[in-house]
């Protein structure tokens, strides 16, 4: 049986997302949820970086353009925040998988606040 990576950290992150949703509900822009999540991360002393810059390498060279993960937590988890009515889309999954591949981070979580309830997806690269 395969072991779940960063299980306790992921549960803690998802708990923050649920807390934010319970207070704010749905219908806000992504940035509002990010602001609230950052308050929760600070209050819970969770190591995090917001809009963390990651480089992309191509054939051993760093490309001019970079990407910014919504949050990088514990230096080992990328969290992407969405607020779309359509839920977690294939595009969001592809984007997060590309972020994981480019950064060398193994676990990604996508959280979506855009429906009448939070939904999340864990992605392991």
PDB file of N, CA and C in Angstrom:
ATOM      1  N   UNK A   1       0.832  -1.178   0.000  1.00  0.00           N
ATOM      2  CA  UNK A   1       0.000   0.000   0.000  1.00  0.00           C
ATOM      3  C   UNK A   1       0.881   1.248   0.000  1.00  0.00           C
ATOM      4  N   UNK A   2       0.544   2.202  -0.869  1.00  0.00           N
ATOM      5  CA  UNK A   2       1.309   3.422  -1.010  1.00  0.00           C
ATOM      6  C   UNK A   2       1.024   4.378   0.141  1.00  0.00           C
ATOM      7  N   UNK A   3       2.065   5.012   0.658  1.00  0.00           N
ATOM      8  CA  UNK A   3       1.898   5.946   1.764  1.00  0.00           C
ATOM      9  C   UNK A   3       1.505   7.323   1.228  1.00  0.00           C
ATOM     10  N   UNK A   4       0.598   7.990   1.909  1.00  0.00           N
ATOM     11  CA  UNK A   4       0.160   9.336   1.541  1.00  0.00           C
ATOM     12  C   UNK A   4       1.228  10.322   2.004  1.00  0.00           C
ATOM     13  N   UNK A   5       1.738  11.128   1.067  1.00  0.00           N
ATOM     14  CA  UNK A   5       2.800  12.068   1.440  1.00  0.00           C
ATOM     15  C   UNK A   5       2.202  13.327   2.054  1.00  0.00           C
ATOM     16  N   UNK A   6       2.891  13.843   3.046  1.00  0.00           N
ATOM     17  CA  UNK A   6       2.513  15.075   3.734  1.00  0.00           C
ATOM     18  C   UNK A   6       1.048  15.067   4.180  1.00  0.00           C
ATOM     19  N   UNK A   7       0.623  13.937   4.721  1.00  0.00           N
ATOM     20  CA  UNK A   7      -0.786  13.779   5.106  1.00  0.00           C
ATOM     21  C   UNK A   7      -1.222  14.796   6.154  1.00  0.00           C
ATOM     22  N   UNK A   8      -0.461  14.939   7.221  1.00  0.00           N
ATOM     23  CA  UNK A   8      -0.880  15.851   8.294  1.00  0.00           C
ATOM     24  C   UNK A   8      -0.830  17.310   7.830  1.00  0.00           C
ATOM     25  N   UNK A   9       0.184  17.660   7.040  1.00  0.00           N
ATOM     26  CA  UNK A   9       0.285  19.023   6.527  1.00  0.00           C
ATOM     27  C   UNK A   9      -0.877  19.331   5.583  1.00  0.00           C
ATOM     28  N   UNK A  10      -1.208  18.373   4.717  1.00  0.00           N
ATOM     29  CA  UNK A  10      -2.321  18.566   3.781  1.00  0.00           C
ATOM     30  C   UNK A  10      -3.643  18.707   4.531  1.00  0.00           C
ATOM     31  N   UNK A  11      -3.835  17.905   5.556  1.00  0.00           N
ATOM     32  CA  UNK A  11      -5.063  18.007   6.359  1.00  0.00           C
ATOM     33  C   UNK A  11      -5.153  19.371   7.028  1.00  0.00           C
ATOM     34  N   UNK A  12      -4.036  19.867   7.512  1.00  0.00           N
ATOM     35  CA  UNK A  12      -4.000  21.185   8.145  1.00  0.00           C
ATOM     36  C   UNK A  12      -4.355  22.276   7.134  1.00  0.00           C
ATOM     37  N   UNK A  13      -3.818  22.186   5.934  1.00  0.00           N
ATOM     38  CA  UNK A  13      -4.101  23.164   4.876  1.00  0.00           C
ATOM     39  C   UNK A  13      -5.572  23.122   4.490  1.00  0.00           C
ATOM     40  N   UNK A  14      -6.097  21.936   4.310  1.00  0.00           N
ATOM     41  CA  UNK A  14      -7.506  21.788   3.943  1.00  0.00           C
ATOM     42  C   UNK A  14      -8.398  22.301   5.069  1.00  0.00           C
ATOM     43  N   UNK A  15      -7.983  22.100   6.311  1.00  0.00           N
ATOM     44  CA  UNK A  15      -8.714  22.647   7.452  1.00  0.00           C
ATOM     45  C   UNK A  15      -8.792  24.164   7.396  1.00  0.00           C
ATOM     46  N   UNK A  16      -7.696  24.806   7.013  1.00  0.00           N
ATOM     47  CA  UNK A  16      -7.694  26.263   6.847  1.00  0.00           C
ATOM     48  C   UNK A  16      -8.696  26.659   5.768  1.00  0.00           C
ATOM     49  N   UNK A  17      -8.683  25.941   4.664  1.00  0.00           N
ATOM     50  CA  UNK A  17      -9.600  26.245   3.563  1.00  0.00           C
ATOM     51  C   UNK A  17     -11.055  26.110   4.003  1.00  0.00           C
ATOM     52  N   UNK A  18     -11.359  25.089   4.776  1.00  0.00           N
ATOM     53  CA  UNK A  18     -12.723  24.889   5.273  1.00  0.00           C
ATOM     54  C   UNK A  18     -13.127  26.024   6.218  1.00  0.00           C
ATOM     55  N   UNK A  19     -12.192  26.445   7.067  1.00  0.00           N
ATOM     56  CA  UNK A  19     -12.463  27.551   7.986  1.00  0.00           C
ATOM     57  C   UNK A  19     -12.781  28.828   7.207  1.00  0.00           C
ATOM     58  N   UNK A  20     -11.983  29.109   6.200  1.00  0.00           N
ATOM     59  CA  UNK A  20     -12.201  30.297   5.373  1.00  0.00           C
ATOM     60  C   UNK A  20     -13.565  30.218   4.690  1.00  0.00           C
ATOM     61  N   UNK A  21     -13.887  29.057   4.145  1.00  0.00           N
ATOM     62  CA  UNK A  21     -15.182  28.908   3.476  1.00  0.00           C
ATOM     63  C   UNK A  21     -16.347  29.062   4.463  1.00  0.00           C
ATOM     64  N   UNK A  22     -16.197  28.493   5.646  1.00  0.00           N
ATOM     65  CA  UNK A  22     -17.272  28.588   6.641  1.00  0.00           C
ATOM     66  C   UNK A  22     -17.573  30.037   7.014  1.00  0.00           C
ATOM     67  N   UNK A  23     -16.574  30.887   6.970  1.00  0.00           N
ATOM     68  CA  UNK A  23     -16.771  32.288   7.332  1.00  0.00           C
ATOM     69  C   UNK A  23     -17.184  33.129   6.117  1.00  0.00           C
ATOM     70  N   UNK A  24     -16.524  32.933   4.983  1.00  0.00           N
ATOM     71  CA  UNK A  24     -16.787  33.784   3.819  1.00  0.00           C
ATOM     72  C   UNK A  24     -17.850  33.247   2.867  1.00  0.00           C
ATOM     73  N   UNK A  25     -18.037  31.922   2.847  1.00  0.00           N
ATOM     74  CA  UNK A  25     -18.960  31.356   1.868  1.00  0.00           C
ATOM     75  C   UNK A  25     -18.357  31.407   0.477  1.00  0.00           C
ATOM     76  N   UNK A  26     -19.213  31.398  -0.539  1.00  0.00           N
ATOM     77  CA  UNK A  26     -18.682  31.424  -1.901  1.00  0.00           C
ATOM     78  C   UNK A  26     -19.142  32.682  -2.630  1.00  0.00           C
ATOM     79  N   UNK A  27     -18.459  32.964  -3.738  1.00  0.00           N
ATOM     80  CA  UNK A  27     -18.837  34.091  -4.561  1.00  0.00           C
ATOM     81  C   UNK A  27     -17.838  35.227  -4.595  1.00  0.00           C
ATOM     82  N   UNK A  28     -16.783  35.164  -3.770  1.00  0.00           N
ATOM     83  CA  UNK A  28     -15.759  36.197  -3.804  1.00  0.00           C
ATOM     84  C   UNK A  28     -14.703  35.881  -4.863  1.00  0.00           C
ATOM     85  N   UNK A  29     -13.892  36.866  -5.200  1.00  0.00           N
ATOM     86  CA  UNK A  29     -12.751  36.669  -6.090  1.00  0.00           C
ATOM     87  C   UNK A  29     -11.671  35.873  -5.354  1.00  0.00           C
ATOM     88  N   UNK A  30     -10.810  35.236  -6.127  1.00  0.00           N
ATOM     89  CA  UNK A  30      -9.737  34.420  -5.552  1.00  0.00           C
ATOM     90  C   UNK A  30      -8.901  35.190  -4.533  1.00  0.00           C
ATOM     91  N   UNK A  31      -8.598  36.444  -4.831  1.00  0.00           N
ATOM     92  CA  UNK A  31      -7.714  37.229  -3.974  1.00  0.00           C
ATOM     93  C   UNK A  31      -8.289  37.396  -2.566  1.00  0.00           C
ATOM     94  N   UNK A  32      -9.599  37.458  -2.436  1.00  0.00           N
ATOM     95  CA  UNK A  32     -10.227  37.582  -1.114  1.00  0.00           C
ATOM     96  C   UNK A  32      -9.960  36.321  -0.296  1.00  0.00           C
ATOM     97  N   UNK A  33     -10.111  35.165  -0.923  1.00  0.00           N
ATOM     98  CA  UNK A  33      -9.847  33.906  -0.227  1.00  0.00           C
ATOM     99  C   UNK A  33      -8.369  33.790   0.145  1.00  0.00           C
ATOM    100  N   UNK A  34      -7.483  34.243  -0.741  1.00  0.00           N
ATOM    101  CA  UNK A  34      -6.046  34.205  -0.446  1.00  0.00           C
ATOM    102  C   UNK A  34      -5.711  35.093   0.752  1.00  0.00           C
ATOM    103  N   UNK A  35      -6.319  36.275   0.800  1.00  0.00           N
ATOM    104  CA  UNK A  35      -6.083  37.175   1.933  1.00  0.00           C
ATOM    105  C   UNK A  35      -6.508  36.514   3.245  1.00  0.00           C
ATOM    106  N   UNK A  36      -7.693  35.903   3.236  1.00  0.00           N
ATOM    107  CA  UNK A  36      -8.193  35.237   4.446  1.00  0.00           C
ATOM    108  C   UNK A  36      -7.323  34.042   4.813  1.00  0.00           C
ATOM    109  N   UNK A  37      -6.906  33.279   3.802  1.00  0.00           N
ATOM    110  CA  UNK A  37      -6.060  32.113   4.073  1.00  0.00           C
ATOM    111  C   UNK A  37      -4.727  32.534   4.677  1.00  0.00           C
ATOM    112  N   UNK A  38      -4.183  33.624   4.195  1.00  0.00           N
ATOM    113  CA  UNK A  38      -2.907  34.077   4.741  1.00  0.00           C
ATOM    114  C   UNK A  38      -3.050  34.456   6.214  1.00  0.00           C
ATOM    115  N   UNK A  39      -4.150  35.083   6.579  1.00  0.00           N
ATOM    116  CA  UNK A  39      -4.396  35.388   7.991  1.00  0.00           C
ATOM    117  C   UNK A  39      -4.408  34.103   8.805  1.00  0.00           C
ATOM    118  N   UNK A  40      -5.094  33.086   8.314  1.00  0.00           N
ATOM    119  CA  UNK A  40      -5.164  31.795   9.021  1.00  0.00           C
ATOM    120  C   UNK A  40      -3.789  31.139   9.126  1.00  0.00           C
ATOM    121  N   UNK A  41      -3.012  31.173   8.043  1.00  0.00           N
ATOM    122  CA  UNK A  41      -1.679  30.564   8.075  1.00  0.00           C
ATOM    123  C   UNK A  41      -0.804  31.244   9.133  1.00  0.00           C
ATOM    124  N   UNK A  42      -0.875  32.557   9.203  1.00  0.00           N
ATOM    125  CA  UNK A  42      -0.085  33.301  10.192  1.00  0.00           C
ATOM    126  C   UNK A  42      -0.560  32.958  11.600  1.00  0.00           C
ATOM    127  N   UNK A  43      -1.874  32.995  11.822  1.00  0.00           N
ATOM    128  CA  UNK A  43      -2.413  32.714  13.163  1.00  0.00           C
ATOM    129  C   UNK A  43      -2.080  31.301  13.627  1.00  0.00           C
ATOM    130  N   UNK A  44      -1.941  30.374  12.688  1.00  0.00           N
ATOM    131  CA  UNK A  44      -1.637  28.979  13.039  1.00  0.00           C
ATOM    132  C   UNK A  44      -0.146  28.674  12.940  1.00  0.00           C
ATOM    133  N   UNK A  45       0.655  29.686  12.715  1.00  0.00           N
ATOM    134  CA  UNK A  45       2.116  29.552  12.593  1.00  0.00           C
ATOM    135  C   UNK A  45       2.506  28.520  11.540  1.00  0.00           C
ATOM    136  N   UNK A  46       1.806  28.546  10.422  1.00  0.00           N
ATOM    137  CA  UNK A  46       2.111  27.627   9.323  1.00  0.00           C
ATOM    138  C   UNK A  46       3.096  28.306   8.375  1.00  0.00           C
ATOM    139  N   UNK A  47       4.208  27.609   8.115  1.00  0.00           N
ATOM    140  CA  UNK A  47       5.222  28.153   7.217  1.00  0.00           C
ATOM    141  C   UNK A  47       4.630  28.251   5.815  1.00  0.00           C
ATOM    142  N   UNK A  48       4.653  29.468   5.260  1.00  0.00           N
ATOM    143  CA  UNK A  48       4.060  29.658   3.935  1.00  0.00           C
ATOM    144  C   UNK A  48       4.722  30.836   3.223  1.00  0.00           C
ATOM    145  N   UNK A  49       4.621  30.805   1.909  1.00  0.00           N
ATOM    146  CA  UNK A  49       5.032  31.918   1.066  1.00  0.00           C
ATOM    147  C   UNK A  49       3.895  32.154   0.084  1.00  0.00           C
ATOM    148  N   UNK A  50       3.451  33.386   0.008  1.00  0.00           N
ATOM    149  CA  UNK A  50       2.370  33.740  -0.912  1.00  0.00           C
ATOM    150  C   UNK A  50       2.974  34.260  -2.211  1.00  0.00           C
ATOM    151  N   UNK A  51       2.359  33.869  -3.331  1.00  0.00           N
ATOM    152  CA  UNK A  51       2.838  34.265  -4.660  1.00  0.00           C
ATOM    153  C   UNK A  51       4.340  33.993  -4.778  1.00  0.00           C
ATOM    154  N   UNK A  52       4.718  32.786  -4.384  1.00  0.00           N
ATOM    155  CA  UNK A  52       6.118  32.382  -4.361  1.00  0.00           C
ATOM    156  C   UNK A  52       6.642  32.181  -5.785  1.00  0.00           C
ATOM    157  N   UNK A  53       7.744  32.845  -6.091  1.00  0.00           N
ATOM    158  CA  UNK A  53       8.367  32.769  -7.406  1.00  0.00           C
ATOM    159  C   UNK A  53       9.107  31.448  -7.575  1.00  0.00           C
ATOM    160  N   UNK A  54       8.821  30.772  -8.674  1.00  0.00           N
ATOM    161  CA  UNK A  54       9.527  29.542  -9.031  1.00  0.00           C
ATOM    162  C   UNK A  54      10.106  29.721 -10.433  1.00  0.00           C
ATOM    163  N   UNK A  55      11.310  29.246 -10.634  1.00  0.00           N
ATOM    164  CA  UNK A  55      11.928  29.327 -11.963  1.00  0.00           C
ATOM    165  C   UNK A  55      11.554  28.090 -12.767  1.00  0.00           C
ATOM    166  N   UNK A  56      11.673  28.235 -14.083  1.00  0.00           N
ATOM    167  CA  UNK A  56      11.428  27.119 -14.996  1.00  0.00           C
ATOM    168  C   UNK A  56      12.726  26.890 -15.765  1.00  0.00           C
ATOM    169  N   UNK A  57      13.170  25.649 -15.775  1.00  0.00           N
ATOM    170  CA  UNK A  57      14.398  25.309 -16.498  1.00  0.00           C
ATOM    171  C   UNK A  57      14.060  24.572 -17.787  1.00  0.00           C
ATOM    172  N   UNK A  58      14.869  24.854 -18.791  1.00  0.00           N
ATOM    173  CA  UNK A  58      14.748  24.185 -20.079  1.00  0.00           C
ATOM    174  C   UNK A  58      16.152  23.826 -20.527  1.00  0.00           C
ATOM    175  N   UNK A  59      16.408  22.531 -20.661  1.00  0.00           N
ATOM    176  CA  UNK A  59      17.727  22.032 -21.048  1.00  0.00           C
ATOM    177  C   UNK A  59      18.823  22.619 -20.156  1.00  0.00           C
ATOM    178  N   UNK A  60      18.524  22.682 -18.855  1.00  0.00           N
ATOM    179  CA  UNK A  60      19.508  23.140 -17.896  1.00  0.00           C
ATOM    180  C   UNK A  60      19.640  24.648 -17.773  1.00  0.00           C
ATOM    181  N   UNK A  61      18.878  25.380 -18.570  1.00  0.00           N
ATOM    182  CA  UNK A  61      18.936  26.836 -18.517  1.00  0.00           C
ATOM    183  C   UNK A  61      17.648  27.380 -17.911  1.00  0.00           C
ATOM    184  N   UNK A  62      17.786  28.448 -17.137  1.00  0.00           N
ATOM    185  CA  UNK A  62      16.618  29.078 -16.519  1.00  0.00           C
ATOM    186  C   UNK A  62      15.962  29.986 -17.552  1.00  0.00           C
ATOM    187  N   UNK A  63      14.677  29.775 -17.756  1.00  0.00           N
ATOM    188  CA  UNK A  63      13.928  30.595 -18.705  1.00  0.00           C
ATOM    189  C   UNK A  63      13.674  31.989 -18.142  1.00  0.00           C
ATOM    190  N   UNK A  64      13.465  32.920 -19.039  1.00  0.00           N
ATOM    191  CA  UNK A  64      13.216  34.309 -18.644  1.00  0.00           C
ATOM    192  C   UNK A  64      11.932  34.430 -17.828  1.00  0.00           C
ATOM    193  N   UNK A  65      10.906  33.715 -18.216  1.00  0.00           N
ATOM    194  CA  UNK A  65       9.627  33.807 -17.517  1.00  0.00           C
ATOM    195  C   UNK A  65       9.559  32.779 -16.397  1.00  0.00           C
ATOM    196  N   UNK A  66       8.955  33.182 -15.319  1.00  0.00           N
ATOM    197  CA  UNK A  66       8.831  32.353 -14.117  1.00  0.00           C
ATOM    198  C   UNK A  66       7.355  32.097 -13.868  1.00  0.00           C
ATOM    199  N   UNK A  67       7.040  31.376 -12.807  1.00  0.00           N
ATOM    200  CA  UNK A  67       5.643  31.258 -12.395  1.00  0.00           C
ATOM    201  C   UNK A  67       5.553  31.530 -10.907  1.00  0.00           C
ATOM    202  N   UNK A  68       4.377  31.958 -10.514  1.00  0.00           N
ATOM    203  CA  UNK A  68       4.104  32.272  -9.121  1.00  0.00           C
ATOM    204  C   UNK A  68       3.027  31.332  -8.619  1.00  0.00           C
ATOM    205  N   UNK A  69       3.376  30.461  -7.677  1.00  0.00           N
ATOM    206  CA  UNK A  69       2.380  29.600  -7.038  1.00  0.00           C
ATOM    207  C   UNK A  69       1.593  30.465  -6.060  1.00  0.00           C
ATOM    208  N   UNK A  70       0.284  30.242  -5.967  1.00  0.00           N
ATOM    209  CA  UNK A  70      -0.524  31.023  -5.026  1.00  0.00           C
ATOM    210  C   UNK A  70       0.084  30.957  -3.631  1.00  0.00           C
ATOM    211  N   UNK A  71       0.346  29.744  -3.162  1.00  0.00           N
ATOM    212  CA  UNK A  71       1.028  29.539  -1.890  1.00  0.00           C
ATOM    213  C   UNK A  71       1.977  28.357  -2.016  1.00  0.00           C
ATOM    214  N   UNK A  72       3.125  28.469  -1.369  1.00  0.00           N
ATOM    215  CA  UNK A  72       4.008  27.325  -1.160  1.00  0.00           C
ATOM    216  C   UNK A  72       4.080  27.160   0.347  1.00  0.00           C
ATOM    217  N   UNK A  73       3.684  25.996   0.820  1.00  0.00           N
ATOM    218  CA  UNK A  73       3.623  25.750   2.263  1.00  0.00           C
ATOM    219  C   UNK A  73       4.629  24.686   2.664  1.00  0.00           C
ATOM    220  N   UNK A  74       5.245  24.896   3.800  1.00  0.00           N
ATOM    221  CA  UNK A  74       6.217  23.959   4.373  1.00  0.00           C
ATOM    222  C   UNK A  74       7.330  23.628   3.371  1.00  0.00           C
ATOM    223  N   UNK A  75       7.527  24.504   2.379  1.00  0.00           N
ATOM    224  CA  UNK A  75       8.515  24.308   1.322  1.00  0.00           C
ATOM    225  C   UNK A  75       8.325  22.998   0.570  1.00  0.00           C
ATOM    226  N   UNK A  76       7.156  22.365   0.719  1.00  0.00           N
ATOM    227  CA  UNK A  76       6.959  21.052   0.098  1.00  0.00           C
ATOM    228  C   UNK A  76       5.574  20.852  -0.510  1.00  0.00           C
ATOM    229  N   UNK A  77       4.720  21.878  -0.459  1.00  0.00           N
ATOM    230  CA  UNK A  77       3.359  21.750  -0.984  1.00  0.00           C
ATOM    231  C   UNK A  77       2.998  23.039  -1.717  1.00  0.00           C
ATOM    232  N   UNK A  78       2.510  22.890  -2.938  1.00  0.00           N
ATOM    233  CA  UNK A  78       1.983  24.032  -3.681  1.00  0.00           C
ATOM    234  C   UNK A  78       0.473  24.018  -3.535  1.00  0.00           C
ATOM    235  N   UNK A  79      -0.088  25.169  -3.181  1.00  0.00           N
ATOM    236  CA  UNK A  79      -1.535  25.325  -3.051  1.00  0.00           C
ATOM    237  C   UNK A  79      -2.008  26.336  -4.082  1.00  0.00           C
ATOM    238  N   UNK A  80      -2.903  25.903  -4.942  1.00  0.00           N
ATOM    239  CA  UNK A  80      -3.505  26.787  -5.940  1.00  0.00           C
ATOM    240  C   UNK A  80      -4.946  27.045  -5.544  1.00  0.00           C
ATOM    241  N   UNK A  81      -5.321  28.314  -5.531  1.00  0.00           N
ATOM    242  CA  UNK A  81      -6.642  28.744  -5.084  1.00  0.00           C
ATOM    243  C   UNK A  81      -7.472  29.141  -6.304  1.00  0.00           C
ATOM    244  N   UNK A  82      -8.671  28.604  -6.389  1.00  0.00           N
ATOM    245  CA  UNK A  82      -9.599  28.907  -7.482  1.00  0.00           C
ATOM    246  C   UNK A  82     -10.938  29.331  -6.895  1.00  0.00           C
ATOM    247  N   UNK A  83     -11.694  30.084  -7.700  1.00  0.00           N
ATOM    248  CA  UNK A  83     -13.032  30.505  -7.289  1.00  0.00           C
ATOM    249  C   UNK A  83     -13.959  30.456  -8.498  1.00  0.00           C
ATOM    250  N   UNK A  84     -13.920  29.334  -9.203  1.00  0.00           N
ATOM    251  CA  UNK A  84     -14.696  29.191 -10.427  1.00  0.00           C
ATOM    252  C   UNK A  84     -15.963  28.380 -10.231  1.00  0.00           C
ATOM    253  N   UNK A  85     -17.031  28.823 -10.870  1.00  0.00           N
ATOM    254  CA  UNK A  85     -18.309  28.113 -10.787  1.00  0.00           C
ATOM    255  C   UNK A  85     -18.238  26.720 -11.393  1.00  0.00           C
ATOM    256  N   UNK A  86     -17.312  26.535 -12.332  1.00  0.00           N
ATOM    257  CA  UNK A  86     -17.201  25.251 -13.024  1.00  0.00           C
ATOM    258  C   UNK A  86     -16.452  24.189 -12.228  1.00  0.00           C
ATOM    259  N   UNK A  87     -15.965  24.545 -11.063  1.00  0.00           N
ATOM    260  CA  UNK A  87     -15.259  23.580 -10.223  1.00  0.00           C
ATOM    261  C   UNK A  87     -13.793  23.492 -10.595  1.00  0.00           C
ATOM    262  N   UNK A  88     -13.159  22.409 -10.195  1.00  0.00           N
ATOM    263  CA  UNK A  88     -11.744  22.191 -10.501  1.00  0.00           C
ATOM    264  C   UNK A  88     -11.664  21.657 -11.929  1.00  0.00           C
ATOM    265  N   UNK A  89     -11.099  22.461 -12.798  1.00  0.00           N
ATOM    266  CA  UNK A  89     -11.075  22.138 -14.221  1.00  0.00           C
ATOM    267  C   UNK A  89      -9.818  21.356 -14.602  1.00  0.00           C
ATOM    268  N   UNK A  90      -9.856  20.767 -15.783  1.00  0.00           N
ATOM    269  CA  UNK A  90      -8.670  20.095 -16.313  1.00  0.00           C
ATOM    270  C   UNK A  90      -7.521  21.082 -16.486  1.00  0.00           C
ATOM    271  N   UNK A  91      -7.838  22.330 -16.853  1.00  0.00           N
ATOM    272  CA  UNK A  91      -6.798  23.353 -16.992  1.00  0.00           C
ATOM    273  C   UNK A  91      -6.101  23.624 -15.662  1.00  0.00           C
ATOM    274  N   UNK A  92      -6.875  23.690 -14.583  1.00  0.00           N
ATOM    275  CA  UNK A  92      -6.290  23.920 -13.250  1.00  0.00           C
ATOM    276  C   UNK A  92      -5.403  22.746 -12.848  1.00  0.00           C
ATOM    277  N   UNK A  93      -5.842  21.542 -13.170  1.00  0.00           N
ATOM    278  CA  UNK A  93      -5.036  20.351 -12.866  1.00  0.00           C
ATOM    279  C   UNK A  93      -3.733  20.380 -13.661  1.00  0.00           C
ATOM    280  N   UNK A  94      -3.830  20.663 -14.970  1.00  0.00           N
ATOM    281  CA  UNK A  94      -2.626  20.723 -15.812  1.00  0.00           C
ATOM    282  C   UNK A  94      -1.661  21.801 -15.319  1.00  0.00           C
ATOM    283  N   UNK A  95      -2.195  22.973 -14.968  1.00  0.00           N
ATOM    284  CA  UNK A  95      -1.369  24.064 -14.467  1.00  0.00           C
ATOM    285  C   UNK A  95      -0.621  23.634 -13.206  1.00  0.00           C
ATOM    286  N   UNK A  96      -1.319  23.030 -12.279  1.00  0.00           N
ATOM    287  CA  UNK A  96      -0.699  22.628 -11.013  1.00  0.00           C
ATOM    288  C   UNK A  96       0.333  21.534 -11.230  1.00  0.00           C
ATOM    289  N   UNK A  97       0.040  20.575 -12.095  1.00  0.00           N
ATOM    290  CA  UNK A  97       1.023  19.524 -12.403  1.00  0.00           C
ATOM    291  C   UNK A  97       2.285  20.122 -13.027  1.00  0.00           C
ATOM    292  N   UNK A  98       2.118  21.111 -13.915  1.00  0.00           N
ATOM    293  CA  UNK A  98       3.281  21.783 -14.503  1.00  0.00           C
ATOM    294  C   UNK A  98       4.082  22.506 -13.425  1.00  0.00           C
ATOM    295  N   UNK A  99       3.397  23.151 -12.477  1.00  0.00           N
ATOM    296  CA  UNK A  99       4.083  23.826 -11.382  1.00  0.00           C
ATOM    297  C   UNK A  99       4.888  22.827 -10.552  1.00  0.00           C
ATOM    298  N   UNK A 100       4.291  21.669 -10.299  1.00  0.00           N
ATOM    299  CA  UNK A 100       5.001  20.652  -9.517  1.00  0.00           C
ATOM    300  C   UNK A 100       6.237  20.175 -10.265  1.00  0.00           C
ATOM    301  N   UNK A 101       6.073  19.881 -11.535  1.00  0.00           N
ATOM    302  CA  UNK A 101       7.205  19.394 -12.334  1.00  0.00           C
ATOM    303  C   UNK A 101       8.316  20.435 -12.380  1.00  0.00           C
ATOM    304  N   UNK A 102       7.960  21.702 -12.616  1.00  0.00           N
ATOM    305  CA  UNK A 102       8.966  22.754 -12.747  1.00  0.00           C
ATOM    306  C   UNK A 102       9.673  23.054 -11.426  1.00  0.00           C
ATOM    307  N   UNK A 103       8.954  22.951 -10.326  1.00  0.00           N
ATOM    308  CA  UNK A 103       9.521  23.321  -9.020  1.00  0.00           C
ATOM    309  C   UNK A 103      10.242  22.178  -8.321  1.00  0.00           C
ATOM    310  N   UNK A 104       9.927  20.944  -8.715  1.00  0.00           N
ATOM    311  CA  UNK A 104      10.489  19.792  -8.018  1.00  0.00           C
ATOM    312  C   UNK A 104       9.720  19.440  -6.756  1.00  0.00           C
ATOM    313  N   UNK A 105       8.634  20.148  -6.503  1.00  0.00           N
ATOM    314  CA  UNK A 105       7.771  19.860  -5.346  1.00  0.00           C
ATOM    315  C   UNK A 105       6.844  18.716  -5.729  1.00  0.00           C
ATOM    316  N   UNK A 106       6.596  17.801  -4.806  1.00  0.00           N
ATOM    317  CA  UNK A 106       5.844  16.592  -5.139  1.00  0.00           C
ATOM    318  C   UNK A 106       4.342  16.687  -4.923  1.00  0.00           C
ATOM    319  N   UNK A 107       3.885  17.536  -3.989  1.00  0.00           N
ATOM    320  CA  UNK A 107       2.456  17.574  -3.675  1.00  0.00           C
ATOM    321  C   UNK A 107       1.860  18.925  -4.018  1.00  0.00           C
ATOM    322  N   UNK A 108       0.740  18.862  -4.717  1.00  0.00           N
ATOM    323  CA  UNK A 108      -0.029  20.058  -5.019  1.00  0.00           C
ATOM    324  C   UNK A 108      -1.458  19.866  -4.540  1.00  0.00           C
ATOM    325  N   UNK A 109      -2.062  20.942  -4.094  1.00  0.00           N
ATOM    326  CA  UNK A 109      -3.471  20.922  -3.693  1.00  0.00           C
ATOM    327  C   UNK A 109      -4.154  22.061  -4.440  1.00  0.00           C
ATOM    328  N   UNK A 110      -5.261  21.744  -5.067  1.00  0.00           N
ATOM    329  CA  UNK A 110      -6.097  22.773  -5.675  1.00  0.00           C
ATOM    330  C   UNK A 110      -7.336  22.882  -4.803  1.00  0.00           C
ATOM    331  N   UNK A 111      -7.678  24.110  -4.414  1.00  0.00           N
ATOM    332  CA  UNK A 111      -8.897  24.343  -3.638  1.00  0.00           C
ATOM    333  C   UNK A 111      -9.785  25.255  -4.474  1.00  0.00           C
ATOM    334  N   UNK A 112     -11.051  24.926  -4.546  1.00  0.00           N
ATOM    335  CA  UNK A 112     -11.995  25.762  -5.285  1.00  0.00           C
ATOM    336  C   UNK A 112     -13.107  26.215  -4.349  1.00  0.00           C
ATOM    337  N   UNK A 113     -13.281  27.536  -4.278  1.00  0.00           N
ATOM    338  CA  UNK A 113     -14.318  28.145  -3.445  1.00  0.00           C
ATOM    339  C   UNK A 113     -15.525  28.595  -4.270  1.00  0.00           C
ATOM    340  N   UNK A 114     -15.562  28.275  -5.540  1.00  0.00           N
ATOM    341  CA  UNK A 114     -16.551  28.860  -6.425  1.00  0.00           C
ATOM    342  C   UNK A 114     -17.894  28.169  -6.492  1.00  0.00           C
ATOM    343  N   UNK A 115     -18.076  27.108  -5.798  1.00  0.00           N
ATOM    344  CA  UNK A 115     -19.351  26.412  -5.804  1.00  0.00           C
ATOM    345  C   UNK A 115     -19.995  26.549  -4.431  1.00  0.00           C
ATOM    346  N   UNK A 116     -21.134  25.942  -4.259  1.00  0.00           N
ATOM    347  CA  UNK A 116     -21.820  26.032  -2.966  1.00  0.00           C
ATOM    348  C   UNK A 116     -21.207  25.064  -1.956  1.00  0.00           C
ATOM    349  N   UNK A 117     -19.911  25.026  -1.906  1.00  0.00           N
ATOM    350  CA  UNK A 117     -19.138  24.197  -0.991  1.00  0.00           C
ATOM    351  C   UNK A 117     -17.715  24.151  -1.509  1.00  0.00           C
ATOM    352  N   UNK A 118     -16.767  23.951  -0.629  1.00  0.00           N
ATOM    353  CA  UNK A 118     -15.385  23.865  -1.099  1.00  0.00           C
ATOM    354  C   UNK A 118     -15.154  22.493  -1.701  1.00  0.00           C
ATOM    355  N   UNK A 119     -14.274  22.472  -2.661  1.00  0.00           N
ATOM    356  CA  UNK A 119     -13.803  21.195  -3.189  1.00  0.00           C
ATOM    357  C   UNK A 119     -12.299  21.298  -3.332  1.00  0.00           C
ATOM    358  N   UNK A 120     -11.630  20.189  -3.174  1.00  0.00           N
ATOM    359  CA  UNK A 120     -10.180  20.198  -3.312  1.00  0.00           C
ATOM    360  C   UNK A 120      -9.733  18.934  -4.005  1.00  0.00           C
ATOM    361  N   UNK A 121      -8.536  19.016  -4.535  1.00  0.00           N
ATOM    362  CA  UNK A 121      -7.924  17.866  -5.208  1.00  0.00           C
ATOM    363  C   UNK A 121      -6.450  17.856  -4.858  1.00  0.00           C
ATOM    364  N   UNK A 122      -5.970  16.688  -4.437  1.00  0.00           N
ATOM    365  CA  UNK A 122      -4.547  16.470  -4.155  1.00  0.00           C
ATOM    366  C   UNK A 122      -3.922  15.925  -5.422  1.00  0.00           C
ATOM    367  N   UNK A 123      -2.781  16.456  -5.781  1.00  0.00           N
ATOM    368  CA  UNK A 123      -2.035  15.974  -6.947  1.00  0.00           C
ATOM    369  C   UNK A 123      -0.620  15.643  -6.519  1.00  0.00           C
ATOM    370  N   UNK A 124      -0.187  14.452  -6.850  1.00  0.00           N
ATOM    371  CA  UNK A 124       1.179  14.030  -6.524  1.00  0.00           C
ATOM    372  C   UNK A 124       1.960  13.882  -7.817  1.00  0.00           C
ATOM    373  N   UNK A 125       3.137  14.513  -7.838  1.00  0.00           N
ATOM    374  CA  UNK A 125       3.984  14.404  -9.022  1.00  0.00           C
ATOM    375  C   UNK A 125       5.162  13.526  -8.685  1.00  0.00           C
TER     376      UNK A 125
END
